[in-house]
Amino acid sequence: MAVFAEADAPLRARNVSEAMDLGLVPNNINNVRITLKHLTGRGIPDETEQGLFARPCP
């Protein structure tokens, strides 16, 4: 969530992966994307557009 707190715009899974120093290999990016999609079901990040994730508004 710290990645989203510092961002001023919605992020893609690639940006989150890069910010977490996971490397920009497709497998890591896909794992981050899957995790973000799973967390959107719990309302932790919001998916503002397809593939764009942002912290939920308080």
PDB file of N, CA and C in Angstrom:
ATOM      1  N   MET A   1       0.810  -1.183   0.000  1.00  0.00           N
ATOM      2  CA  MET A   1       0.000   0.000   0.000  1.00  0.00           C
ATOM      3  C   MET A   1       0.862   1.258   0.000  1.00  0.00           C
ATOM      4  N   ALA A   2       2.093   1.154   0.423  1.00  0.00           N
ATOM      5  CA  ALA A   2       2.972   2.324   0.432  1.00  0.00           C
ATOM      6  C   ALA A   2       3.204   2.828  -0.987  1.00  0.00           C
ATOM      7  N   VAL A   3       3.221   1.917  -1.933  1.00  0.00           N
ATOM      8  CA  VAL A   3       3.407   2.315  -3.334  1.00  0.00           C
ATOM      9  C   VAL A   3       2.253   3.209  -3.774  1.00  0.00           C
ATOM     10  N   PHE A   4       1.043   2.855  -3.396  1.00  0.00           N
ATOM     11  CA  PHE A   4      -0.120   3.645  -3.778  1.00  0.00           C
ATOM     12  C   PHE A   4      -0.195   4.964  -3.014  1.00  0.00           C
ATOM     13  N   ALA A   5       0.287   4.971  -1.778  1.00  0.00           N
ATOM     14  CA  ALA A   5       0.263   6.193  -0.977  1.00  0.00           C
ATOM     15  C   ALA A   5       1.163   7.269  -1.578  1.00  0.00           C
ATOM     16  N   GLU A   6       2.250   6.854  -2.189  1.00  0.00           N
ATOM     17  CA  GLU A   6       3.192   7.800  -2.788  1.00  0.00           C
ATOM     18  C   GLU A   6       2.802   8.217  -4.200  1.00  0.00           C
ATOM     19  N   ALA A   7       1.916   7.467  -4.826  1.00  0.00           N
ATOM     20  CA  ALA A   7       1.540   7.742  -6.219  1.00  0.00           C
ATOM     21  C   ALA A   7       0.472   8.821  -6.280  1.00  0.00           C
ATOM     22  N   ASP A   8       0.564   9.655  -7.309  1.00  0.00           N
ATOM     23  CA  ASP A   8      -0.440  10.697  -7.500  1.00  0.00           C
ATOM     24  C   ASP A   8      -1.410  10.355  -8.624  1.00  0.00           C
ATOM     25  N   ALA A   9      -1.229   9.191  -9.225  1.00  0.00           N
ATOM     26  CA  ALA A   9      -2.093   8.736 -10.311  1.00  0.00           C
ATOM     27  C   ALA A   9      -2.223   7.214 -10.205  1.00  0.00           C
ATOM     28  N   PRO A  10      -3.235   6.624 -10.820  1.00  0.00           N
ATOM     29  CA  PRO A  10      -3.358   5.168 -10.812  1.00  0.00           C
ATOM     30  C   PRO A  10      -2.131   4.501 -11.429  1.00  0.00           C
ATOM     31  N   LEU A  11      -1.824   3.316 -10.948  1.00  0.00           N
ATOM     32  CA  LEU A  11      -0.632   2.588 -11.377  1.00  0.00           C
ATOM     33  C   LEU A  11      -1.014   1.304 -12.097  1.00  0.00           C
ATOM     34  N   ARG A  12      -0.149   0.896 -12.997  1.00  0.00           N
ATOM     35  CA  ARG A  12      -0.277  -0.406 -13.647  1.00  0.00           C
ATOM     36  C   ARG A  12       0.526  -1.427 -12.850  1.00  0.00           C
ATOM     37  N   ALA A  13       0.266  -2.684 -13.066  1.00  0.00           N
ATOM     38  CA  ALA A  13       0.986  -3.747 -12.369  1.00  0.00           C
ATOM     39  C   ALA A  13       2.488  -3.637 -12.628  1.00  0.00           C
ATOM     40  N   ARG A  14       2.861  -3.201 -13.802  1.00  0.00           N
ATOM     41  CA  ARG A  14       4.279  -3.036 -14.138  1.00  0.00           C
ATOM     42  C   ARG A  14       4.922  -1.987 -13.235  1.00  0.00           C
ATOM     43  N   ASN A  15       4.215  -0.878 -12.980  1.00  0.00           N
ATOM     44  CA  ASN A  15       4.733   0.175 -12.108  1.00  0.00           C
ATOM     45  C   ASN A  15       4.866  -0.315 -10.669  1.00  0.00           C
ATOM     46  N   VAL A  16       3.894  -1.070 -10.202  1.00  0.00           N
ATOM     47  CA  VAL A  16       3.938  -1.603  -8.839  1.00  0.00           C
ATOM     48  C   VAL A  16       5.079  -2.595  -8.704  1.00  0.00           C
ATOM     49  N   SER A  17       5.251  -3.448  -9.680  1.00  0.00           N
ATOM     50  CA  SER A  17       6.337  -4.421  -9.671  1.00  0.00           C
ATOM     51  C   SER A  17       7.687  -3.717  -9.633  1.00  0.00           C
ATOM     52  N   GLU A  18       7.824  -2.675 -10.421  1.00  0.00           N
ATOM     53  CA  GLU A  18       9.070  -1.917 -10.456  1.00  0.00           C
ATOM     54  C   GLU A  18       9.321  -1.211  -9.116  1.00  0.00           C
ATOM     55  N   ALA A  19       8.291  -0.640  -8.532  1.00  0.00           N
ATOM     56  CA  ALA A  19       8.432   0.061  -7.254  1.00  0.00           C
ATOM     57  C   ALA A  19       8.790  -0.896  -6.122  1.00  0.00           C
ATOM     58  N   MET A  20       8.375  -2.145  -6.242  1.00  0.00           N
ATOM     59  CA  MET A  20       8.671  -3.142  -5.224  1.00  0.00           C
ATOM     60  C   MET A  20       9.992  -3.866  -5.496  1.00  0.00           C
ATOM     61  N   ASP A  21      10.722  -3.440  -6.504  1.00  0.00           N
ATOM     62  CA  ASP A  21      12.013  -4.037  -6.884  1.00  0.00           C
ATOM     63  C   ASP A  21      11.911  -5.530  -7.164  1.00  0.00           C
ATOM     64  N   LEU A  22      10.829  -5.935  -7.816  1.00  0.00           N
ATOM     65  CA  LEU A  22      10.645  -7.344  -8.169  1.00  0.00           C
ATOM     66  C   LEU A  22      11.241  -7.691  -9.518  1.00  0.00           C
ATOM     67  N   GLY A  23      11.619  -6.714 -10.275  1.00  0.00           N
ATOM     68  CA  GLY A  23      12.123  -6.971 -11.610  1.00  0.00           C
ATOM     69  C   GLY A  23      11.000  -6.907 -12.616  1.00  0.00           C
ATOM     70  N   LEU A  24      11.344  -6.593 -13.825  1.00  0.00           N
ATOM     71  CA  LEU A  24      10.335  -6.405 -14.866  1.00  0.00           C
ATOM     72  C   LEU A  24      10.234  -7.603 -15.800  1.00  0.00           C
ATOM     73  N   VAL A  25      10.266  -8.773 -15.226  1.00  0.00           N
ATOM     74  CA  VAL A  25      10.064  -9.980 -16.023  1.00  0.00           C
ATOM     75  C   VAL A  25       8.565 -10.269 -16.064  1.00  0.00           C
ATOM     76  N   PRO A  26       8.075 -10.803 -17.162  1.00  0.00           N
ATOM     77  CA  PRO A  26       6.628 -11.021 -17.304  1.00  0.00           C
ATOM     78  C   PRO A  26       5.992 -11.819 -16.166  1.00  0.00           C
ATOM     79  N   ASN A  27       6.691 -12.814 -15.637  1.00  0.00           N
ATOM     80  CA  ASN A  27       6.122 -13.628 -14.569  1.00  0.00           C
ATOM     81  C   ASN A  27       5.854 -12.791 -13.314  1.00  0.00           C
ATOM     82  N   ASN A  28       6.784 -11.923 -12.951  1.00  0.00           N
ATOM     83  CA  ASN A  28       6.591 -11.074 -11.776  1.00  0.00           C
ATOM     84  C   ASN A  28       5.451 -10.079 -11.987  1.00  0.00           C
ATOM     85  N   ILE A  29       5.386  -9.489 -13.162  1.00  0.00           N
ATOM     86  CA  ILE A  29       4.334  -8.521 -13.464  1.00  0.00           C
ATOM     87  C   ILE A  29       2.969  -9.203 -13.426  1.00  0.00           C
ATOM     88  N   ASN A  30       2.868 -10.397 -13.981  1.00  0.00           N
ATOM     89  CA  ASN A  30       1.599 -11.128 -13.960  1.00  0.00           C
ATOM     90  C   ASN A  30       1.192 -11.506 -12.542  1.00  0.00           C
ATOM     91  N   ASN A  31       2.169 -11.887 -11.704  1.00  0.00           N
ATOM     92  CA  ASN A  31       1.854 -12.218 -10.311  1.00  0.00           C
ATOM     93  C   ASN A  31       1.342 -10.992  -9.563  1.00  0.00           C
ATOM     94  N   VAL A  32       1.935  -9.840  -9.805  1.00  0.00           N
ATOM     95  CA  VAL A  32       1.473  -8.600  -9.180  1.00  0.00           C
ATOM     96  C   VAL A  32       0.072  -8.276  -9.683  1.00  0.00           C
ATOM     97  N   ARG A  33      -0.177  -8.420 -10.970  1.00  0.00           N
ATOM     98  CA  ARG A  33      -1.497  -8.141 -11.546  1.00  0.00           C
ATOM     99  C   ARG A  33      -2.560  -9.039 -10.924  1.00  0.00           C
ATOM    100  N   ILE A  34      -2.264 -10.312 -10.795  1.00  0.00           N
ATOM    101  CA  ILE A  34      -3.210 -11.259 -10.198  1.00  0.00           C
ATOM    102  C   ILE A  34      -3.491 -10.883  -8.752  1.00  0.00           C
ATOM    103  N   THR A  35      -2.457 -10.523  -8.013  1.00  0.00           N
ATOM    104  CA  THR A  35      -2.633 -10.121  -6.621  1.00  0.00           C
ATOM    105  C   THR A  35      -3.471  -8.857  -6.515  1.00  0.00           C
ATOM    106  N   LEU A  36      -3.208  -7.877  -7.370  1.00  0.00           N
ATOM    107  CA  LEU A  36      -3.985  -6.640  -7.351  1.00  0.00           C
ATOM    108  C   LEU A  36      -5.449  -6.909  -7.696  1.00  0.00           C
ATOM    109  N   LYS A  37      -5.692  -7.765  -8.681  1.00  0.00           N
ATOM    110  CA  LYS A  37      -7.075  -8.111  -9.043  1.00  0.00           C
ATOM    111  C   LYS A  37      -7.785  -8.792  -7.867  1.00  0.00           C
ATOM    112  N   HIS A  38      -7.054  -9.664  -7.174  1.00  0.00           N
ATOM    113  CA  HIS A  38      -7.630 -10.353  -6.014  1.00  0.00           C
ATOM    114  C   HIS A  38      -7.959  -9.343  -4.916  1.00  0.00           C
ATOM    115  N   LEU A  39      -7.075  -8.404  -4.686  1.00  0.00           N
ATOM    116  CA  LEU A  39      -7.283  -7.412  -3.627  1.00  0.00           C
ATOM    117  C   LEU A  39      -8.392  -6.419  -3.961  1.00  0.00           C
ATOM    118  N   THR A  40      -8.672  -6.194  -5.240  1.00  0.00           N
ATOM    119  CA  THR A  40      -9.766  -5.294  -5.594  1.00  0.00           C
ATOM    120  C   THR A  40     -11.101  -5.859  -5.127  1.00  0.00           C
ATOM    121  N   GLY A  41     -11.210  -7.159  -5.062  1.00  0.00           N
ATOM    122  CA  GLY A  41     -12.421  -7.787  -4.543  1.00  0.00           C
ATOM    123  C   GLY A  41     -12.646  -7.469  -3.076  1.00  0.00           C
ATOM    124  N   ARG A  42     -11.572  -7.175  -2.370  1.00  0.00           N
ATOM    125  CA  ARG A  42     -11.662  -6.816  -0.952  1.00  0.00           C
ATOM    126  C   ARG A  42     -11.700  -5.304  -0.756  1.00  0.00           C
ATOM    127  N   GLY A  43     -11.613  -4.557  -1.841  1.00  0.00           N
ATOM    128  CA  GLY A  43     -11.693  -3.110  -1.758  1.00  0.00           C
ATOM    129  C   GLY A  43     -10.418  -2.433  -1.305  1.00  0.00           C
ATOM    130  N   ILE A  44      -9.307  -3.141  -1.371  1.00  0.00           N
ATOM    131  CA  ILE A  44      -8.050  -2.544  -0.912  1.00  0.00           C
ATOM    132  C   ILE A  44      -7.525  -1.570  -1.962  1.00  0.00           C
ATOM    133  N   PRO A  45      -7.192  -1.987  -3.193  1.00  0.00           N
ATOM    134  CA  PRO A  45      -7.033  -0.978  -4.238  1.00  0.00           C
ATOM    135  C   PRO A  45      -8.309  -0.946  -5.073  1.00  0.00           C
ATOM    136  N   ASP A  46      -8.528   0.152  -5.737  1.00  0.00           N
ATOM    137  CA  ASP A  46      -9.631   0.251  -6.689  1.00  0.00           C
ATOM    138  C   ASP A  46      -9.053   0.107  -8.091  1.00  0.00           C
ATOM    139  N   GLU A  47      -9.797  -0.532  -8.964  1.00  0.00           N
ATOM    140  CA  GLU A  47      -9.401  -0.594 -10.366  1.00  0.00           C
ATOM    141  C   GLU A  47     -10.193   0.489 -11.087  1.00  0.00           C
ATOM    142  N   THR A  48      -9.546   1.630 -11.305  1.00  0.00           N
ATOM    143  CA  THR A  48     -10.229   2.784 -11.884  1.00  0.00           C
ATOM    144  C   THR A  48     -10.578   2.565 -13.343  1.00  0.00           C
ATOM    145  N   GLU A  49      -9.702   1.953 -14.074  1.00  0.00           N
ATOM    146  CA  GLU A  49      -9.915   1.510 -15.457  1.00  0.00           C
ATOM    147  C   GLU A  49      -9.281   0.139 -15.553  1.00  0.00           C
ATOM    148  N   GLN A  50      -9.528  -0.535 -16.639  1.00  0.00           N
ATOM    149  CA  GLN A  50      -8.948  -1.861 -16.786  1.00  0.00           C
ATOM    150  C   GLN A  50      -7.429  -1.760 -16.757  1.00  0.00           C
ATOM    151  N   GLY A  51      -6.827  -2.420 -15.765  1.00  0.00           N
ATOM    152  CA  GLY A  51      -5.378  -2.448 -15.651  1.00  0.00           C
ATOM    153  C   GLY A  51      -4.773  -1.295 -14.872  1.00  0.00           C
ATOM    154  N   LEU A  52      -5.593  -0.354 -14.395  1.00  0.00           N
ATOM    155  CA  LEU A  52      -5.097   0.780 -13.607  1.00  0.00           C
ATOM    156  C   LEU A  52      -5.621   0.648 -12.177  1.00  0.00           C
ATOM    157  N   PHE A  53      -4.712   0.650 -11.227  1.00  0.00           N
ATOM    158  CA  PHE A  53      -5.066   0.464  -9.840  1.00  0.00           C
ATOM    159  C   PHE A  53      -4.680   1.678  -9.025  1.00  0.00           C
ATOM    160  N   ALA A  54      -5.535   2.034  -8.075  1.00  0.00           N
ATOM    161  CA  ALA A  54      -5.285   3.180  -7.218  1.00  0.00           C
ATOM    162  C   ALA A  54      -5.785   2.850  -5.816  1.00  0.00           C
ATOM    163  N   ARG A  55      -5.266   3.573  -4.825  1.00  0.00           N
ATOM    164  CA  ARG A  55      -5.747   3.362  -3.471  1.00  0.00           C
ATOM    165  C   ARG A  55      -7.194   3.839  -3.382  1.00  0.00           C
ATOM    166  N   PRO A  56      -7.978   3.181  -2.548  1.00  0.00           N
ATOM    167  CA  PRO A  56      -9.387   3.595  -2.442  1.00  0.00           C
ATOM    168  C   PRO A  56      -9.508   4.960  -1.787  1.00  0.00           C
ATOM    169  N   CYS A  57     -10.521   5.668  -2.165  1.00  0.00           N
ATOM    170  CA  CYS A  57     -10.794   6.972  -1.558  1.00  0.00           C
ATOM    171  C   CYS A  57     -11.335   6.749  -0.162  1.00  0.00           C
ATOM    172  N   PRO A  58     -10.871   7.524   0.812  1.00  0.00           N
ATOM    173  CA  PRO A  58     -11.349   7.334   2.196  1.00  0.00           C
ATOM    174  C   PRO A  58     -12.774   7.787   2.381  1.00  0.00           C
TER     175      PRO A  58
END
